[in-house]
Amino acid sequence: MTHTERPPRCYLRTHRRVWGLTQRELASLMGFQSAAHVSRLENGKRAPTVESALACQVLFGIPPAAMFPHAYEAVEERVIRDVYERHSALGDTTSPSEMRKRELYSLALQRAIGSANATKGYDA
C-alpha cells in the first residue's frame, strides 16, 4: 500500500474498542475460532461474510453497510453497473416480465443515485 492509498474502511475495531471487547472475545461472539479472523476483518485483509456482517448487526446494532462501508460500496458498484447494462439492454420491450425487470432496475438505479446524492460532500 502506498502512502496515498487509504486502508479499506471498516468500523469493527472502533465499535469493539468502544465496548471494551478484545479481539478474542469478539471472535467468540461472532463464532470464529481465533482472534486472527477479527484482526483480518478490522484491517481490511478479509471481506466480511454474510454471517459475520449480520453478527455485527446483532451485537452492535450497526447495519452491515455502515459497519463495512468499503465492502458495501464495492458490491454496490458492481451490481449497479450490471443493473445499468441490463436496464439499457431491455430497450422498449413490452413483455410483462421484461417490463417488471425494467421497473426493478429503474428502482435500483434511483436508489443508487439517491444514495450518491445524499453522501455527496461528506467524503471530501
Protein backbone atom coordinates (compact mmCIF):
# COMPACT_ATOMS: atom_id res chain seq x y z
CA MET A 1 0.00 0.00 0.00
CA THR A 2 1.41 3.39 -0.96
CA HIS A 3 1.23 6.45 1.25
CA THR A 4 -1.61 7.87 -0.84
CA GLU A 5 -3.77 4.75 -0.56
CA ARG A 6 -6.16 4.58 2.37
CA PRO A 7 -6.87 1.25 4.02
CA PRO A 8 -10.38 -0.10 3.45
CA ARG A 9 -12.89 1.49 5.77
CA CYS A 10 -14.26 -0.79 8.45
CA TYR A 11 -15.64 0.33 11.78
CA LEU A 12 -15.41 -3.03 13.53
CA ARG A 13 -12.32 -2.08 15.57
CA THR A 14 -13.93 1.19 16.64
CA HIS A 15 -17.08 -0.49 17.95
CA ARG A 16 -15.16 -3.36 19.54
CA ARG A 17 -12.99 -0.88 21.44
CA VAL A 18 -15.90 1.36 22.45
CA TRP A 19 -17.46 -1.65 24.17
CA GLY A 20 -14.17 -2.87 25.65
CA LEU A 21 -14.08 -6.19 23.81
CA THR A 22 -10.86 -7.95 22.96
CA GLN A 23 -10.42 -9.50 19.53
CA ARG A 24 -10.64 -12.92 21.19
CA GLU A 25 -13.95 -12.03 22.88
CA LEU A 26 -15.40 -10.65 19.66
CA ALA A 27 -14.20 -13.67 17.72
CA SER A 28 -16.02 -15.94 20.15
CA LEU A 29 -19.22 -13.88 19.94
CA MET A 30 -19.06 -13.97 16.14
CA GLY A 31 -18.45 -17.72 16.05
CA PHE A 32 -14.83 -17.55 14.88
CA GLN A 33 -12.13 -19.93 16.07
CA SER A 34 -9.46 -17.26 16.57
CA ALA A 35 -8.88 -13.57 17.13
CA ALA A 36 -6.85 -13.53 13.91
CA HIS A 37 -10.09 -13.63 11.92
CA VAL A 38 -11.29 -10.45 13.65
CA SER A 39 -7.91 -8.84 13.02
CA ARG A 40 -8.13 -9.61 9.30
CA LEU A 41 -11.63 -8.08 9.15
CA GLU A 42 -10.54 -4.99 11.05
CA ASN A 43 -7.53 -4.46 8.79
CA GLY A 44 -9.43 -4.98 5.55
CA LYS A 45 -7.50 -8.13 4.71
CA ARG A 46 -10.70 -10.17 4.57
CA ALA A 47 -14.17 -9.21 3.42
CA PRO A 48 -16.96 -9.93 5.89
CA THR A 49 -19.15 -12.93 5.24
CA VAL A 50 -22.91 -12.52 5.42
CA GLU A 51 -22.81 -14.31 8.78
CA SER A 52 -20.11 -12.07 10.25
CA ALA A 53 -21.78 -8.90 8.98
CA LEU A 54 -25.11 -9.96 10.46
CA ALA A 55 -23.43 -11.00 13.73
CA CYS A 56 -22.05 -7.46 13.99
CA GLN A 57 -25.52 -6.04 13.42
CA VAL A 58 -26.98 -8.26 16.14
CA LEU A 59 -24.20 -7.39 18.58
CA PHE A 60 -23.65 -3.68 17.91
CA GLY A 61 -26.92 -2.67 16.22
CA ILE A 62 -25.00 -1.35 13.21
CA PRO A 63 -26.20 -2.38 9.71
CA PRO A 64 -23.54 -4.13 7.59
CA ALA A 65 -23.43 -1.25 5.09
CA ALA A 66 -22.46 1.13 7.90
CA MET A 67 -20.05 -1.25 9.65
CA PHE A 68 -18.29 -2.28 6.42
CA PRO A 69 -18.85 0.65 4.02
CA HIS A 70 -15.93 -0.25 1.74
CA ALA A 71 -17.32 -3.76 1.19
CA TYR A 72 -20.80 -2.33 0.62
CA GLU A 73 -19.54 0.22 -1.90
CA ALA A 74 -17.64 -2.44 -3.85
CA VAL A 75 -20.75 -4.64 -4.09
CA GLU A 76 -22.97 -1.68 -4.90
CA GLU A 77 -20.68 -0.54 -7.71
CA ARG A 78 -20.61 -3.98 -9.32
CA VAL A 79 -24.37 -4.57 -9.00
CA ILE A 80 -25.36 -1.11 -10.23
CA ARG A 81 -23.04 -1.43 -13.24
CA ASP A 82 -24.72 -4.75 -14.13
CA VAL A 83 -28.20 -3.31 -13.49
CA TYR A 84 -27.46 -0.35 -15.76
CA GLU A 85 -26.30 -2.64 -18.57
CA ARG A 86 -29.34 -4.90 -18.23
CA HIS A 87 -31.72 -1.93 -18.00
CA SER A 88 -30.23 -0.46 -21.17
CA ALA A 89 -30.42 -3.79 -22.98
CA LEU A 90 -34.17 -4.09 -22.33
CA GLY A 91 -34.89 -1.07 -24.51
CA ASP A 92 -38.58 -0.51 -25.19
CA THR A 93 -39.74 -4.06 -24.54
CA THR A 94 -43.44 -4.64 -23.93
CA SER A 95 -43.31 -8.15 -22.48
CA PRO A 96 -44.85 -8.15 -18.97
CA SER A 97 -41.88 -9.97 -17.44
CA GLU A 98 -39.37 -7.72 -19.17
CA MET A 99 -41.30 -4.61 -18.10
CA ARG A 100 -41.24 -5.88 -14.49
CA LYS A 101 -37.47 -6.34 -14.71
CA ARG A 102 -37.09 -2.84 -16.14
CA GLU A 103 -39.11 -1.47 -13.20
CA LEU A 104 -36.83 -3.25 -10.70
CA TYR A 105 -33.72 -1.98 -12.47
CA SER A 106 -35.09 1.59 -12.55
CA LEU A 107 -35.82 1.48 -8.83
CA ALA A 108 -32.31 0.16 -8.06
CA LEU A 109 -30.74 2.90 -10.18
CA GLN A 110 -32.86 5.56 -8.45
CA ARG A 111 -31.75 4.27 -5.03
CA ALA A 112 -28.10 4.37 -6.12
CA ILE A 113 -28.46 7.93 -7.42
CA GLY A 114 -30.30 8.99 -4.26
CA SER A 115 -27.63 7.38 -2.10
CA ALA A 116 -24.83 9.09 -4.04
CA ASN A 117 -26.54 12.47 -3.76
CA ALA A 118 -27.14 12.01 -0.03
CA THR A 119 -23.46 11.35 0.67
CA LYS A 120 -22.06 13.97 -1.70
CA GLY A 121 -19.79 16.31 0.14
CA TYR A 122 -19.23 14.05 3.16
CA ASP A 123 -16.23 12.18 1.73
CA ALA A 124 -14.37 15.31 0.64
